[in-house]
Amino acid sequence: MKITIREPESAITHFIALMLAMSAAMSLLAKAGLSGNIVTVCAMMVFMDSMAFLYSASMLYHATNVKQITVKNIPAAWPHDDLYPNCRLLHAGMPAGFR
């Protein structure tokens, strides 16, 4: 079985950015910890976690050969106006103020 990378340039650059973000996270969290403000530390943790997640997801997206979802894959029987097929029954039982 031959393993291929779909877009190697993008996958490699996003991997490098992930490594740089993780190394910067340590110094930024240390600086936030010196401030003594727990809100600053929590905000920095959320920011760095989201940045790591973004680069990881982007790297995996560019590295893998995933079959794209197309309009042909969606069954024609699915209703286009409702999130759930019995949604009209749900709305029929609600009071008028909630519709």
C-alpha atoms as a PDB file:
ATOM      1  CA  MET A   1       0.000   0.000   0.000  1.00  0.00           C
ATOM      2  CA  LYS A   2       1.435   3.330  -1.037  1.00  0.00           C
ATOM      3  CA  ILE A   3       0.995   6.208   1.407  1.00  0.00           C
ATOM      4  CA  THR A   4       0.824   9.653  -0.148  1.00  0.00           C
ATOM      5  CA  ILE A   5       0.475  13.136   1.267  1.00  0.00           C
ATOM      6  CA  ARG A   6      -2.128  15.172  -0.552  1.00  0.00           C
ATOM      7  CA  GLU A   7      -0.497  18.617  -0.179  1.00  0.00           C
ATOM      8  CA  PRO A   8       2.988  18.105   1.290  1.00  0.00           C
ATOM      9  CA  GLU A   9       4.022  21.788   1.312  1.00  0.00           C
ATOM     10  CA  SER A  10       0.994  22.884   3.316  1.00  0.00           C
ATOM     11  CA  ALA A  11       1.206  19.897   5.661  1.00  0.00           C
ATOM     12  CA  ILE A  12       4.885  20.552   6.403  1.00  0.00           C
ATOM     13  CA  THR A  13       4.466  24.296   6.945  1.00  0.00           C
ATOM     14  CA  HIS A  14       1.500  23.747   9.261  1.00  0.00           C
ATOM     15  CA  PHE A  15       3.494  21.148  11.198  1.00  0.00           C
ATOM     16  CA  ILE A  16       6.315  23.674  11.611  1.00  0.00           C
ATOM     17  CA  ALA A  17       3.806  26.307  12.748  1.00  0.00           C
ATOM     18  CA  LEU A  18       2.375  23.806  15.251  1.00  0.00           C
ATOM     19  CA  MET A  19       5.823  23.177  16.712  1.00  0.00           C
ATOM     20  CA  LEU A  20       6.524  26.925  16.925  1.00  0.00           C
ATOM     21  CA  ALA A  21       3.162  27.531  18.587  1.00  0.00           C
ATOM     22  CA  MET A  22       3.820  24.825  21.160  1.00  0.00           C
ATOM     23  CA  SER A  23       7.251  26.229  21.958  1.00  0.00           C
ATOM     24  CA  ALA A  24       5.842  29.755  22.244  1.00  0.00           C
ATOM     25  CA  ALA A  25       3.075  28.465  24.521  1.00  0.00           C
ATOM     26  CA  MET A  26       5.553  27.674  27.278  1.00  0.00           C
ATOM     27  CA  SER A  27       7.032  31.159  27.415  1.00  0.00           C
ATOM     28  CA  LEU A  28       3.660  32.881  27.051  1.00  0.00           C
ATOM     29  CA  LEU A  29       2.134  30.806  29.849  1.00  0.00           C
ATOM     30  CA  ALA A  30       5.137  31.515  32.069  1.00  0.00           C
ATOM     31  CA  LYS A  31       4.783  35.258  31.404  1.00  0.00           C
ATOM     32  CA  ALA A  32       1.035  35.091  32.090  1.00  0.00           C
ATOM     33  CA  GLY A  33       1.743  33.212  35.324  1.00  0.00           C
ATOM     34  CA  LEU A  34       4.049  35.980  36.497  1.00  0.00           C
ATOM     35  CA  SER A  35       1.235  38.490  36.169  1.00  0.00           C
ATOM     36  CA  GLY A  36      -0.597  36.741  39.021  1.00  0.00           C
ATOM     37  CA  ASN A  37      -3.968  37.149  37.319  1.00  0.00           C
ATOM     38  CA  ILE A  38      -5.813  33.837  36.928  1.00  0.00           C
ATOM     39  CA  VAL A  39      -8.002  35.253  34.146  1.00  0.00           C
ATOM     40  CA  THR A  40      -4.896  36.077  32.100  1.00  0.00           C
ATOM     41  CA  VAL A  41      -3.523  32.570  32.598  1.00  0.00           C
ATOM     42  CA  CYS A  42      -6.826  30.927  31.629  1.00  0.00           C
ATOM     43  CA  ALA A  43      -7.228  33.180  28.590  1.00  0.00           C
ATOM     44  CA  MET A  44      -3.702  32.362  27.439  1.00  0.00           C
ATOM     45  CA  MET A  45      -4.341  28.631  27.912  1.00  0.00           C
ATOM     46  CA  VAL A  46      -7.522  28.797  25.828  1.00  0.00           C
ATOM     47  CA  PHE A  47      -5.750  30.806  23.128  1.00  0.00           C
ATOM     48  CA  MET A  48      -2.775  28.453  22.926  1.00  0.00           C
ATOM     49  CA  ASP A  49      -4.987  25.335  22.952  1.00  0.00           C
ATOM     50  CA  SER A  50      -7.115  26.709  20.145  1.00  0.00           C
ATOM     51  CA  MET A  51      -4.011  27.633  18.141  1.00  0.00           C
ATOM     52  CA  ALA A  52      -2.590  24.118  18.576  1.00  0.00           C
ATOM     53  CA  PHE A  53      -5.927  22.600  17.569  1.00  0.00           C
ATOM     54  CA  LEU A  54      -6.126  24.837  14.493  1.00  0.00           C
ATOM     55  CA  TYR A  55      -2.661  23.925  13.227  1.00  0.00           C
ATOM     56  CA  SER A  56      -3.155  20.219  14.026  1.00  0.00           C
ATOM     57  CA  ALA A  57      -6.463  20.069  12.186  1.00  0.00           C
ATOM     58  CA  SER A  58      -5.061  21.991   9.225  1.00  0.00           C
ATOM     59  CA  MET A  59      -1.981  19.776   9.062  1.00  0.00           C
ATOM     60  CA  LEU A  60      -4.112  16.619   9.100  1.00  0.00           C
ATOM     61  CA  TYR A  61      -6.466  18.055   6.485  1.00  0.00           C
ATOM     62  CA  HIS A  62      -3.626  18.798   4.084  1.00  0.00           C
ATOM     63  CA  ALA A  63      -1.799  15.528   4.796  1.00  0.00           C
ATOM     64  CA  THR A  64      -4.606  13.005   4.358  1.00  0.00           C
ATOM     65  CA  ASN A  65      -6.519  11.905   1.301  1.00  0.00           C
ATOM     66  CA  VAL A  66     -10.067  12.184   2.589  1.00  0.00           C
ATOM     67  CA  LYS A  67     -12.976  11.647   0.255  1.00  0.00           C
ATOM     68  CA  GLN A  68     -14.814  14.912  -0.173  1.00  0.00           C
ATOM     69  CA  ILE A  69     -18.540  15.054   0.598  1.00  0.00           C
ATOM     70  CA  THR A  70     -20.370  16.031  -2.541  1.00  0.00           C
ATOM     71  CA  VAL A  71     -23.973  16.776  -3.350  1.00  0.00           C
ATOM     72  CA  LYS A  72     -24.250  13.312  -4.910  1.00  0.00           C
ATOM     73  CA  ASN A  73     -23.566  11.694  -1.517  1.00  0.00           C
ATOM     74  CA  ILE A  74     -26.582  13.391   0.113  1.00  0.00           C
ATOM     75  CA  PRO A  75     -29.781  11.377  -0.364  1.00  0.00           C
ATOM     76  CA  ALA A  76     -32.543  13.154  -2.249  1.00  0.00           C
ATOM     77  CA  ALA A  77     -35.099  11.909   0.282  1.00  0.00           C
ATOM     78  CA  TRP A  78     -33.771  14.172   3.043  1.00  0.00           C
ATOM     79  CA  PRO A  79     -36.007  17.161   3.687  1.00  0.00           C
ATOM     80  CA  HIS A  80     -34.366  20.462   2.854  1.00  0.00           C
ATOM     81  CA  ASP A  81     -36.576  22.634   5.054  1.00  0.00           C
ATOM     82  CA  ASP A  82     -36.359  20.702   8.328  1.00  0.00           C
ATOM     83  CA  LEU A  83     -33.467  19.699  10.530  1.00  0.00           C
ATOM     84  CA  TYR A  84     -35.372  16.609  11.589  1.00  0.00           C
ATOM     85  CA  PRO A  85     -38.075  14.821   9.551  1.00  0.00           C
ATOM     86  CA  ASN A  86     -40.644  14.969  12.372  1.00  0.00           C
ATOM     87  CA  CYS A  87     -39.960  18.642  13.061  1.00  0.00           C
ATOM     88  CA  ARG A  88     -43.461  19.644  11.948  1.00  0.00           C
ATOM     89  CA  LEU A  89     -44.967  17.292  14.520  1.00  0.00           C
ATOM     90  CA  LEU A  90     -42.801  18.888  17.194  1.00  0.00           C
ATOM     91  CA  HIS A  91     -43.888  22.380  16.168  1.00  0.00           C
ATOM     92  CA  ALA A  92     -47.550  21.343  15.993  1.00  0.00           C
ATOM     93  CA  GLY A  93     -47.524  20.450  19.691  1.00  0.00           C
ATOM     94  CA  MET A  94     -45.918  23.733  20.831  1.00  0.00           C
ATOM     95  CA  PRO A  95     -47.835  26.721  22.143  1.00  0.00           C
ATOM     96  CA  ALA A  96     -48.255  29.570  19.665  1.00  0.00           C
ATOM     97  CA  GLY A  97     -45.715  31.846  21.394  1.00  0.00           C
ATOM     98  CA  PHE A  98     -42.850  29.411  20.822  1.00  0.00           C
ATOM     99  CA  ARG A  99     -43.239  28.947  17.063  1.00  0.00           C
END
